[in-house]
All heavy atoms as atom14 arrays in JSON, in Angstrom:
{
  "sequence": "IIKNVNKIKDIETVIVHNRLDLICPYKGAYDLHKKLNNSKLITI",
  "atom14_mask": [
    [1, 1, 1, 1, 1, 1, 1, 1, 0, 0, 0, 0, 0, 0],
    [1, 1, 1, 1, 1, 1, 1, 1, 0, 0, 0, 0, 0, 0],
    [1, 1, 1, 1, 1, 1, 1, 1, 1, 0, 0, 0, 0, 0],
    [1, 1, 1, 1, 1, 1, 1, 1, 0, 0, 0, 0, 0, 0],
    [1, 1, 1, 1, 1, 1, 1, 0, 0, 0, 0, 0, 0, 0],
    [1, 1, 1, 1, 1, 1, 1, 1, 0, 0, 0, 0, 0, 0],
    [1, 1, 1, 1, 1, 1, 1, 1, 1, 0, 0, 0, 0, 0],
    [1, 1, 1, 1, 1, 1, 1, 1, 0, 0, 0, 0, 0, 0],
    [1, 1, 1, 1, 1, 1, 1, 1, 1, 0, 0, 0, 0, 0],
    [1, 1, 1, 1, 1, 1, 1, 1, 0, 0, 0, 0, 0, 0],
    [1, 1, 1, 1, 1, 1, 1, 1, 0, 0, 0, 0, 0, 0],
    [1, 1, 1, 1, 1, 1, 1, 1, 1, 0, 0, 0, 0, 0],
    [1, 1, 1, 1, 1, 1, 1, 0, 0, 0, 0, 0, 0, 0],
    [1, 1, 1, 1, 1, 1, 1, 0, 0, 0, 0, 0, 0, 0],
    [1, 1, 1, 1, 1, 1, 1, 1, 0, 0, 0, 0, 0, 0],
    [1, 1, 1, 1, 1, 1, 1, 0, 0, 0, 0, 0, 0, 0],
    [1, 1, 1, 1, 1, 1, 1, 1, 1, 1, 0, 0, 0, 0],
    [1, 1, 1, 1, 1, 1, 1, 1, 0, 0, 0, 0, 0, 0],
    [1, 1, 1, 1, 1, 1, 1, 1, 1, 1, 1, 0, 0, 0],
    [1, 1, 1, 1, 1, 1, 1, 1, 0, 0, 0, 0, 0, 0],
    [1, 1, 1, 1, 1, 1, 1, 1, 0, 0, 0, 0, 0, 0],
    [1, 1, 1, 1, 1, 1, 1, 1, 0, 0, 0, 0, 0, 0],
    [1, 1, 1, 1, 1, 1, 1, 1, 0, 0, 0, 0, 0, 0],
    [1, 1, 1, 1, 1, 1, 0, 0, 0, 0, 0, 0, 0, 0],
    [1, 1, 1, 1, 1, 1, 1, 0, 0, 0, 0, 0, 0, 0],
    [1, 1, 1, 1, 1, 1, 1, 1, 1, 1, 1, 1, 0, 0],
    [1, 1, 1, 1, 1, 1, 1, 1, 1, 0, 0, 0, 0, 0],
    [1, 1, 1, 1, 0, 0, 0, 0, 0, 0, 0, 0, 0, 0],
    [1, 1, 1, 1, 1, 0, 0, 0, 0, 0, 0, 0, 0, 0],
    [1, 1, 1, 1, 1, 1, 1, 1, 1, 1, 1, 1, 0, 0],
    [1, 1, 1, 1, 1, 1, 1, 1, 0, 0, 0, 0, 0, 0],
    [1, 1, 1, 1, 1, 1, 1, 1, 0, 0, 0, 0, 0, 0],
    [1, 1, 1, 1, 1, 1, 1, 1, 1, 1, 0, 0, 0, 0],
    [1, 1, 1, 1, 1, 1, 1, 1, 1, 0, 0, 0, 0, 0],
    [1, 1, 1, 1, 1, 1, 1, 1, 1, 0, 0, 0, 0, 0],
    [1, 1, 1, 1, 1, 1, 1, 1, 0, 0, 0, 0, 0, 0],
    [1, 1, 1, 1, 1, 1, 1, 1, 0, 0, 0, 0, 0, 0],
    [1, 1, 1, 1, 1, 1, 1, 1, 0, 0, 0, 0, 0, 0],
    [1, 1, 1, 1, 1, 1, 0, 0, 0, 0, 0, 0, 0, 0],
    [1, 1, 1, 1, 1, 1, 1, 1, 1, 0, 0, 0, 0, 0],
    [1, 1, 1, 1, 1, 1, 1, 1, 0, 0, 0, 0, 0, 0],
    [1, 1, 1, 1, 1, 1, 1, 1, 0, 0, 0, 0, 0, 0],
    [1, 1, 1, 1, 1, 1, 1, 0, 0, 0, 0, 0, 0, 0],
    [1, 1, 1, 1, 1, 1, 1, 1, 0, 0, 0, 0, 0, 0]
  ],
  "atom14_positions": [
    [[0.83, -1.21, 0.0], [0.0, 0.0, 0.0], [0.86, 1.26, 0.0], [0.66, 2.17, -0.82], [-0.97, -0.01, 1.19], [-2.03, -1.11, 1.0], [-1.64, 1.35, 1.37], [-2.94, -1.33, 2.18], [0.0, 0.0, 0.0], [0.0, 0.0, 0.0], [0.0, 0.0, 0.0], [0.0, 0.0, 0.0], [0.0, 0.0, 0.0], [0.0, 0.0, 0.0]],
    [[1.81, 1.33, 0.92], [2.64, 2.54, 1.02], [3.52, 2.72, -0.22], [3.74, 3.84, -0.68], [3.51, 2.49, 2.29], [2.61, 2.54, 3.55], [4.5, 3.64, 2.33], [1.74, 3.77, 3.66], [0.0, 0.0, 0.0], [0.0, 0.0, 0.0], [0.0, 0.0, 0.0], [0.0, 0.0, 0.0], [0.0, 0.0, 0.0], [0.0, 0.0, 0.0]],
    [[3.99, 1.62, -0.79], [4.83, 1.71, -1.99], [4.08, 2.32, -3.17], [4.69, 2.92, -4.06], [5.36, 0.34, -2.37], [6.48, -0.16, -1.48], [6.96, -1.54, -1.91], [8.11, -2.02, -1.03], [8.53, -3.4, -1.38], [0.0, 0.0, 0.0], [0.0, 0.0, 0.0], [0.0, 0.0, 0.0], [0.0, 0.0, 0.0], [0.0, 0.0, 0.0]],
    [[2.77, 2.16, -3.19], [1.97, 2.67, -4.32], [1.1, 3.87, -3.95], [0.22, 4.25, -4.71], [1.09, 1.54, -4.86], [1.91, 0.44, -5.51], [2.49, 0.64, -6.57], [1.97, -0.72, -4.87], [0.0, 0.0, 0.0], [0.0, 0.0, 0.0], [0.0, 0.0, 0.0], [0.0, 0.0, 0.0], [0.0, 0.0, 0.0], [0.0, 0.0, 0.0]],
    [[1.35, 4.44, -2.77], [0.45, 5.47, -2.25], [0.48, 6.76, -3.08], [-0.48, 7.55, -3.04], [0.78, 5.75, -0.77], [2.01, 6.63, -0.64], [-0.42, 6.34, -0.04], [0.0, 0.0, 0.0], [0.0, 0.0, 0.0], [0.0, 0.0, 0.0], [0.0, 0.0, 0.0], [0.0, 0.0, 0.0], [0.0, 0.0, 0.0], [0.0, 0.0, 0.0]],
    [[1.55, 6.99, -3.83], [1.62, 8.2, -4.66], [0.48, 8.28, -5.67], [0.09, 9.37, -6.08], [2.95, 8.28, -5.39], [4.05, 8.88, -4.52], [3.77, 9.46, -3.48], [5.29, 8.72, -4.94], [0.0, 0.0, 0.0], [0.0, 0.0, 0.0], [0.0, 0.0, 0.0], [0.0, 0.0, 0.0], [0.0, 0.0, 0.0], [0.0, 0.0, 0.0]],
    [[-0.05, 7.12, -6.03], [-1.15, 7.09, -7.01], [-2.42, 7.74, -6.45], [-3.29, 8.15, -7.22], [-1.44, 5.65, -7.41], [-0.29, 4.95, -8.12], [-0.64, 3.5, -8.42], [0.51, 2.77, -9.1], [0.18, 1.34, -9.38], [0.0, 0.0, 0.0], [0.0, 0.0, 0.0], [0.0, 0.0, 0.0], [0.0, 0.0, 0.0], [0.0, 0.0, 0.0]],
    [[-2.53, 7.79, -5.12], [-3.77, 8.3, -4.5], [-3.49, 9.47, -3.55], [-4.36, 9.86, -2.78], [-4.5, 7.19, -3.73], [-3.6, 6.57, -2.65], [-4.98, 6.09, -4.69], [-4.31, 5.59, -1.72], [0.0, 0.0, 0.0], [0.0, 0.0, 0.0], [0.0, 0.0, 0.0], [0.0, 0.0, 0.0], [0.0, 0.0, 0.0], [0.0, 0.0, 0.0]],
    [[-2.29, 10.03, -3.62], [-1.87, 11.02, -2.62], [-2.71, 12.28, -2.6], [-2.75, 12.99, -1.59], [-0.39, 11.37, -2.79], [-0.02, 12.0, -4.11], [1.5, 12.17, -4.19], [1.94, 12.61, -5.57], [1.75, 13.99, -5.85], [0.0, 0.0, 0.0], [0.0, 0.0, 0.0], [0.0, 0.0, 0.0], [0.0, 0.0, 0.0], [0.0, 0.0, 0.0]],
    [[-3.4, 12.59, -3.71], [-4.18, 13.83, -3.75], [-5.69, 13.59, -3.59], [-6.47, 14.55, -3.66], [-3.9, 14.56, -5.06], [-2.46, 15.05, -5.15], [-1.94, 15.53, -4.13], [-1.86, 14.92, -6.24], [0.0, 0.0, 0.0], [0.0, 0.0, 0.0], [0.0, 0.0, 0.0], [0.0, 0.0, 0.0], [0.0, 0.0, 0.0], [0.0, 0.0, 0.0]],
    [[-6.09, 12.36, -3.38], [-7.51, 12.06, -3.19], [-7.93, 12.44, -1.78], [-7.25, 12.11, -0.8], [-7.79, 10.56, -3.45], [-7.54, 10.22, -4.93], [-9.23, 10.19, -3.06], [-7.65, 8.75, -5.25], [0.0, 0.0, 0.0], [0.0, 0.0, 0.0], [0.0, 0.0, 0.0], [0.0, 0.0, 0.0], [0.0, 0.0, 0.0], [0.0, 0.0, 0.0]],
    [[-9.05, 13.14, -1.65], [-9.56, 13.53, -0.33], [-9.8, 12.29, 0.53], [-10.48, 11.36, 0.1], [-10.85, 14.32, -0.47], [-11.4, 14.8, 0.86], [-12.72, 15.53, 0.71], [-13.11, 15.82, -0.43], [-13.37, 15.8, 1.74], [0.0, 0.0, 0.0], [0.0, 0.0, 0.0], [0.0, 0.0, 0.0], [0.0, 0.0, 0.0], [0.0, 0.0, 0.0]],
    [[-9.23, 12.28, 1.73], [-9.31, 11.11, 2.58], [-9.54, 11.52, 4.03], [-8.88, 12.43, 4.54], [-8.0, 10.28, 2.51], [-7.73, 9.94, 1.15], [-8.11, 9.01, 3.34], [0.0, 0.0, 0.0], [0.0, 0.0, 0.0], [0.0, 0.0, 0.0], [0.0, 0.0, 0.0], [0.0, 0.0, 0.0], [0.0, 0.0, 0.0], [0.0, 0.0, 0.0]],
    [[-10.49, 10.85, 4.68], [-10.73, 11.02, 6.11], [-10.36, 9.71, 6.8], [-10.79, 8.64, 6.39], [-12.2, 11.38, 6.41], [-12.43, 11.49, 7.92], [-12.59, 12.68, 5.71], [0.0, 0.0, 0.0], [0.0, 0.0, 0.0], [0.0, 0.0, 0.0], [0.0, 0.0, 0.0], [0.0, 0.0, 0.0], [0.0, 0.0, 0.0], [0.0, 0.0, 0.0]],
    [[-9.53, 9.8, 7.85], [-9.07, 8.62, 8.59], [-9.46, 8.77, 10.05], [-9.17, 9.79, 10.68], [-7.54, 8.48, 8.49], [-7.09, 8.35, 7.03], [-7.06, 7.29, 9.31], [-5.59, 8.48, 6.84], [0.0, 0.0, 0.0], [0.0, 0.0, 0.0], [0.0, 0.0, 0.0], [0.0, 0.0, 0.0], [0.0, 0.0, 0.0], [0.0, 0.0, 0.0]],
    [[-10.13, 7.75, 10.6], [-10.51, 7.73, 12.02], [-9.85, 6.52, 12.67], [-10.0, 5.39, 12.17], [-12.04, 7.66, 12.2], [-12.41, 7.71, 13.68], [-12.73, 8.78, 11.43], [0.0, 0.0, 0.0], [0.0, 0.0, 0.0], [0.0, 0.0, 0.0], [0.0, 0.0, 0.0], [0.0, 0.0, 0.0], [0.0, 0.0, 0.0], [0.0, 0.0, 0.0]],
    [[-9.13, 6.75, 13.77], [-8.39, 5.64, 14.39], [-8.28, 5.85, 15.9], [-8.03, 6.97, 16.36], [-7.0, 5.56, 13.78], [-6.37, 4.2, 13.87], [-6.32, 3.33, 12.8], [-5.78, 3.55, 14.89], [-5.71, 2.21, 13.17], [-5.38, 2.32, 14.44], [0.0, 0.0, 0.0], [0.0, 0.0, 0.0], [0.0, 0.0, 0.0], [0.0, 0.0, 0.0]],
    [[-8.42, 4.75, 16.67], [-8.19, 4.8, 18.11], [-6.71, 4.92, 18.41], [-5.88, 4.24, 17.8], [-8.73, 3.54, 18.79], [-10.2, 3.62, 19.13], [-10.81, 4.69, 19.07], [-10.79, 2.5, 19.5], [0.0, 0.0, 0.0], [0.0, 0.0, 0.0], [0.0, 0.0, 0.0], [0.0, 0.0, 0.0], [0.0, 0.0, 0.0], [0.0, 0.0, 0.0]],
    [[-6.38, 5.76, 19.38], [-4.98, 5.92, 19.78], [-4.4, 4.6, 20.3], [-3.28, 4.21, 19.97], [-4.87, 7.0, 20.86], [-3.51, 7.1, 21.55], [-2.45, 7.66, 20.62], [-2.65, 9.09, 20.39], [-1.83, 9.85, 19.66], [-0.77, 9.29, 19.07], [-2.06, 11.13, 19.5], [0.0, 0.0, 0.0], [0.0, 0.0, 0.0], [0.0, 0.0, 0.0]],
    [[-5.18, 3.87, 21.12], [-4.69, 2.63, 21.73], [-5.37, 1.42, 21.09], [-5.99, 0.6, 21.77], [-4.92, 2.65, 23.24], [-4.1, 3.69, 24.01], [-4.42, 3.64, 25.5], [-2.61, 3.5, 23.79], [0.0, 0.0, 0.0], [0.0, 0.0, 0.0], [0.0, 0.0, 0.0], [0.0, 0.0, 0.0], [0.0, 0.0, 0.0], [0.0, 0.0, 0.0]],
    [[-5.22, 1.32, 19.8], [-5.7, 0.14, 19.07], [-4.56, -0.87, 19.05], [-3.53, -0.65, 18.41], [-6.09, 0.54, 17.64], [-6.7, -0.6, 16.83], [-6.44, -1.77, 17.17], [-7.41, -0.31, 15.85], [0.0, 0.0, 0.0], [0.0, 0.0, 0.0], [0.0, 0.0, 0.0], [0.0, 0.0, 0.0], [0.0, 0.0, 0.0], [0.0, 0.0, 0.0]],
    [[-4.73, -1.99, 19.75], [-3.67, -2.98, 19.84], [-3.81, -4.07, 18.78], [-2.98, -4.97, 18.7], [-3.64, -3.62, 21.23], [-3.39, -2.65, 22.39], [-3.26, -3.41, 23.71], [-2.14, -1.8, 22.15], [0.0, 0.0, 0.0], [0.0, 0.0, 0.0], [0.0, 0.0, 0.0], [0.0, 0.0, 0.0], [0.0, 0.0, 0.0], [0.0, 0.0, 0.0]],
    [[-4.85, -4.0, 17.95], [-4.99, -4.91, 16.81], [-4.29, -4.3, 15.6], [-3.44, -4.92, 14.98], [-6.47, -5.17, 16.48], [-7.23, -5.67, 17.71], [-6.59, -6.16, 15.33], [-6.72, -6.96, 18.28], [0.0, 0.0, 0.0], [0.0, 0.0, 0.0], [0.0, 0.0, 0.0], [0.0, 0.0, 0.0], [0.0, 0.0, 0.0], [0.0, 0.0, 0.0]],
    [[-4.68, -3.1, 15.29], [-4.07, -2.35, 14.19], [-3.47, -1.07, 14.79], [-4.17, -0.06, 14.93], [-5.1, -2.0, 13.12], [-5.89, -3.43, 12.37], [0.0, 0.0, 0.0], [0.0, 0.0, 0.0], [0.0, 0.0, 0.0], [0.0, 0.0, 0.0], [0.0, 0.0, 0.0], [0.0, 0.0, 0.0], [0.0, 0.0, 0.0], [0.0, 0.0, 0.0]],
    [[-2.21, -1.11, 15.19], [-1.62, 0.03, 15.9], [-1.75, 1.35, 15.15], [-1.73, 1.4, 13.92], [-0.16, -0.39, 16.07], [-0.2, -1.88, 16.07], [-1.28, -2.24, 15.08], [0.0, 0.0, 0.0], [0.0, 0.0, 0.0], [0.0, 0.0, 0.0], [0.0, 0.0, 0.0], [0.0, 0.0, 0.0], [0.0, 0.0, 0.0], [0.0, 0.0, 0.0]],
    [[-1.84, 2.41, 15.94], [-2.05, 3.77, 15.44], [-1.0, 4.19, 14.41], [-1.29, 4.98, 13.51], [-2.04, 4.72, 16.63], [-2.23, 6.18, 16.3], [-3.5, 6.69, 16.03], [-1.15, 7.05, 16.28], [-3.67, 8.04, 15.74], [-1.31, 8.39, 15.99], [-2.57, 8.88, 15.73], [-2.74, 10.21, 15.44], [0.0, 0.0, 0.0], [0.0, 0.0, 0.0]],
    [[0.19, 3.66, 14.52], [1.27, 4.05, 13.61], [0.9, 3.85, 12.14], [1.3, 4.62, 11.27], [2.54, 3.27, 13.93], [3.76, 3.69, 13.09], [5.01, 2.93, 13.51], [6.24, 3.38, 12.72], [6.12, 3.1, 11.26], [0.0, 0.0, 0.0], [0.0, 0.0, 0.0], [0.0, 0.0, 0.0], [0.0, 0.0, 0.0], [0.0, 0.0, 0.0]],
    [[0.11, 2.81, 11.85], [-0.3, 2.58, 10.47], [-1.13, 3.73, 9.94], [-0.94, 4.19, 8.81], [0.0, 0.0, 0.0], [0.0, 0.0, 0.0], [0.0, 0.0, 0.0], [0.0, 0.0, 0.0], [0.0, 0.0, 0.0], [0.0, 0.0, 0.0], [0.0, 0.0, 0.0], [0.0, 0.0, 0.0], [0.0, 0.0, 0.0], [0.0, 0.0, 0.0]],
    [[-2.07, 4.21, 10.75], [-2.91, 5.34, 10.35], [-2.06, 6.6, 10.19], [-2.24, 7.37, 9.24], [-4.01, 5.57, 11.39], [0.0, 0.0, 0.0], [0.0, 0.0, 0.0], [0.0, 0.0, 0.0], [0.0, 0.0, 0.0], [0.0, 0.0, 0.0], [0.0, 0.0, 0.0], [0.0, 0.0, 0.0], [0.0, 0.0, 0.0], [0.0, 0.0, 0.0]],
    [[-1.12, 6.8, 11.11], [-0.25, 7.98, 11.06], [0.64, 7.94, 9.82], [0.77, 8.95, 9.11], [0.6, 8.03, 12.33], [1.51, 9.23, 12.41], [1.0, 10.48, 12.78], [2.86, 9.13, 12.1], [1.83, 11.59, 12.85], [3.69, 10.24, 12.15], [3.17, 11.47, 12.53], [3.99, 12.56, 12.59], [0.0, 0.0, 0.0], [0.0, 0.0, 0.0]],
    [[1.25, 6.79, 9.56], [2.12, 6.66, 8.38], [1.36, 6.92, 7.09], [1.86, 7.59, 6.17], [2.73, 5.26, 8.33], [3.8, 5.04, 9.39], [4.22, 6.02, 10.03], [4.18, 3.86, 9.6], [0.0, 0.0, 0.0], [0.0, 0.0, 0.0], [0.0, 0.0, 0.0], [0.0, 0.0, 0.0], [0.0, 0.0, 0.0], [0.0, 0.0, 0.0]],
    [[0.14, 6.4, 7.0], [-0.68, 6.62, 5.81], [-1.01, 8.1, 5.66], [-0.87, 8.68, 4.57], [-1.97, 5.8, 5.9], [-2.97, 5.99, 4.76], [-2.4, 5.49, 3.44], [-4.28, 5.27, 5.07], [0.0, 0.0, 0.0], [0.0, 0.0, 0.0], [0.0, 0.0, 0.0], [0.0, 0.0, 0.0], [0.0, 0.0, 0.0], [0.0, 0.0, 0.0]],
    [[-1.45, 8.71, 6.74], [-1.8, 10.13, 6.73], [-0.63, 10.99, 6.26], [-0.82, 11.92, 5.45], [-2.23, 10.53, 8.14], [-2.34, 12.0, 8.37], [-3.23, 12.8, 7.68], [-1.66, 12.83, 9.21], [-3.09, 14.06, 8.09], [-2.15, 14.1, 8.99], [0.0, 0.0, 0.0], [0.0, 0.0, 0.0], [0.0, 0.0, 0.0], [0.0, 0.0, 0.0]],
    [[0.57, 10.69, 6.7], [1.74, 11.49, 6.34], [2.09, 11.37, 4.86], [2.72, 12.26, 4.29], [2.95, 11.07, 7.19], [2.8, 11.33, 8.67], [2.77, 12.81, 9.0], [4.14, 13.43, 8.86], [4.14, 14.86, 9.28], [0.0, 0.0, 0.0], [0.0, 0.0, 0.0], [0.0, 0.0, 0.0], [0.0, 0.0, 0.0], [0.0, 0.0, 0.0]],
    [[1.65, 10.28, 4.25], [1.95, 10.06, 2.83], [0.91, 10.68, 1.9], [1.11, 10.75, 0.69], [2.04, 8.56, 2.53], [3.22, 7.86, 3.18], [4.53, 8.2, 2.5], [5.69, 7.4, 3.06], [6.96, 7.71, 2.38], [0.0, 0.0, 0.0], [0.0, 0.0, 0.0], [0.0, 0.0, 0.0], [0.0, 0.0, 0.0], [0.0, 0.0, 0.0]],
    [[-0.21, 11.11, 2.46], [-1.3, 11.65, 1.66], [-1.34, 13.17, 1.77], [-1.25, 13.72, 2.87], [-2.64, 11.05, 2.1], [-2.77, 9.53, 1.97], [-4.09, 9.06, 2.57], [-2.67, 9.1, 0.51], [0.0, 0.0, 0.0], [0.0, 0.0, 0.0], [0.0, 0.0, 0.0], [0.0, 0.0, 0.0], [0.0, 0.0, 0.0], [0.0, 0.0, 0.0]],
    [[-1.49, 13.85, 0.65], [-1.5, 15.31, 0.66], [-2.83, 15.91, 1.07], [-2.9, 17.07, 1.47], [-1.16, 15.83, -0.75], [0.25, 15.47, -1.17], [1.13, 15.26, -0.34], [0.47, 15.39, -2.48], [0.0, 0.0, 0.0], [0.0, 0.0, 0.0], [0.0, 0.0, 0.0], [0.0, 0.0, 0.0], [0.0, 0.0, 0.0], [0.0, 0.0, 0.0]],
    [[-3.89, 15.11, 0.96], [-5.23, 15.66, 1.16], [-6.02, 14.81, 2.15], [-7.16, 14.46, 1.92], [-5.96, 15.71, -0.19], [-7.21, 16.56, -0.15], [-7.42, 17.35, 0.77], [-8.08, 16.38, -1.15], [0.0, 0.0, 0.0], [0.0, 0.0, 0.0], [0.0, 0.0, 0.0], [0.0, 0.0, 0.0], [0.0, 0.0, 0.0], [0.0, 0.0, 0.0]],
    [[-5.36, 14.47, 3.27], [-6.02, 13.61, 4.25], [-6.17, 14.33, 5.59], [-5.4, 15.25, 5.92], [-5.22, 12.32, 4.47], [-4.01, 12.56, 5.14], [0.0, 0.0, 0.0], [0.0, 0.0, 0.0], [0.0, 0.0, 0.0], [0.0, 0.0, 0.0], [0.0, 0.0, 0.0], [0.0, 0.0, 0.0], [0.0, 0.0, 0.0], [0.0, 0.0, 0.0]],
    [[-7.16, 13.87, 6.34], [-7.39, 14.36, 7.7], [-7.42, 13.16, 8.63], [-8.16, 12.21, 8.4], [-8.71, 15.12, 7.77], [-9.01, 15.7, 9.16], [-10.29, 16.5, 9.15], [-10.55, 17.12, 10.53], [-11.83, 17.89, 10.54], [0.0, 0.0, 0.0], [0.0, 0.0, 0.0], [0.0, 0.0, 0.0], [0.0, 0.0, 0.0], [0.0, 0.0, 0.0]],
    [[-6.59, 13.19, 9.67], [-6.52, 12.09, 10.63], [-7.23, 12.51, 11.92], [-6.83, 13.48, 12.57], [-5.06, 11.74, 10.93], [-4.8, 10.7, 12.02], [-5.48, 9.37, 11.71], [-3.3, 10.5, 12.23], [0.0, 0.0, 0.0], [0.0, 0.0, 0.0], [0.0, 0.0, 0.0], [0.0, 0.0, 0.0], [0.0, 0.0, 0.0], [0.0, 0.0, 0.0]],
    [[-8.29, 11.78, 12.25], [-9.03, 12.02, 13.49], [-8.63, 10.95, 14.49], [-8.89, 9.76, 14.28], [-10.55, 12.0, 13.28], [-10.96, 13.17, 12.37], [-11.3, 12.11, 14.59], [-11.22, 12.77, 10.96], [0.0, 0.0, 0.0], [0.0, 0.0, 0.0], [0.0, 0.0, 0.0], [0.0, 0.0, 0.0], [0.0, 0.0, 0.0], [0.0, 0.0, 0.0]],
    [[-7.96, 11.36, 15.57], [-7.48, 10.44, 16.58], [-8.47, 10.37, 17.73], [-8.83, 11.39, 18.32], [-6.11, 10.88, 17.12], [-5.2, 11.02, 16.02], [-5.56, 9.86, 18.1], [0.0, 0.0, 0.0], [0.0, 0.0, 0.0], [0.0, 0.0, 0.0], [0.0, 0.0, 0.0], [0.0, 0.0, 0.0], [0.0, 0.0, 0.0], [0.0, 0.0, 0.0]],
    [[-8.91, 9.16, 18.07], [-9.88, 8.95, 19.13], [-9.15, 8.46, 20.39], [-8.33, 7.54, 20.31], [-10.96, 7.92, 18.71], [-11.54, 8.29, 17.34], [-12.06, 7.82, 19.76], [-12.15, 9.66, 17.26], [0.0, 0.0, 0.0], [0.0, 0.0, 0.0], [0.0, 0.0, 0.0], [0.0, 0.0, 0.0], [0.0, 0.0, 0.0], [0.0, 0.0, 0.0]]
  ]
}
């Protein structure tokens, strides 16, 4: 996903993620958000 993220970097994206998610750690949401130019990360 991250290797190909440039293809979607300008698509409007909203991301909602729990801070203490121990199944899918928050870092994944943060890393994705940092790679996207038009995203909003909402941390719960």
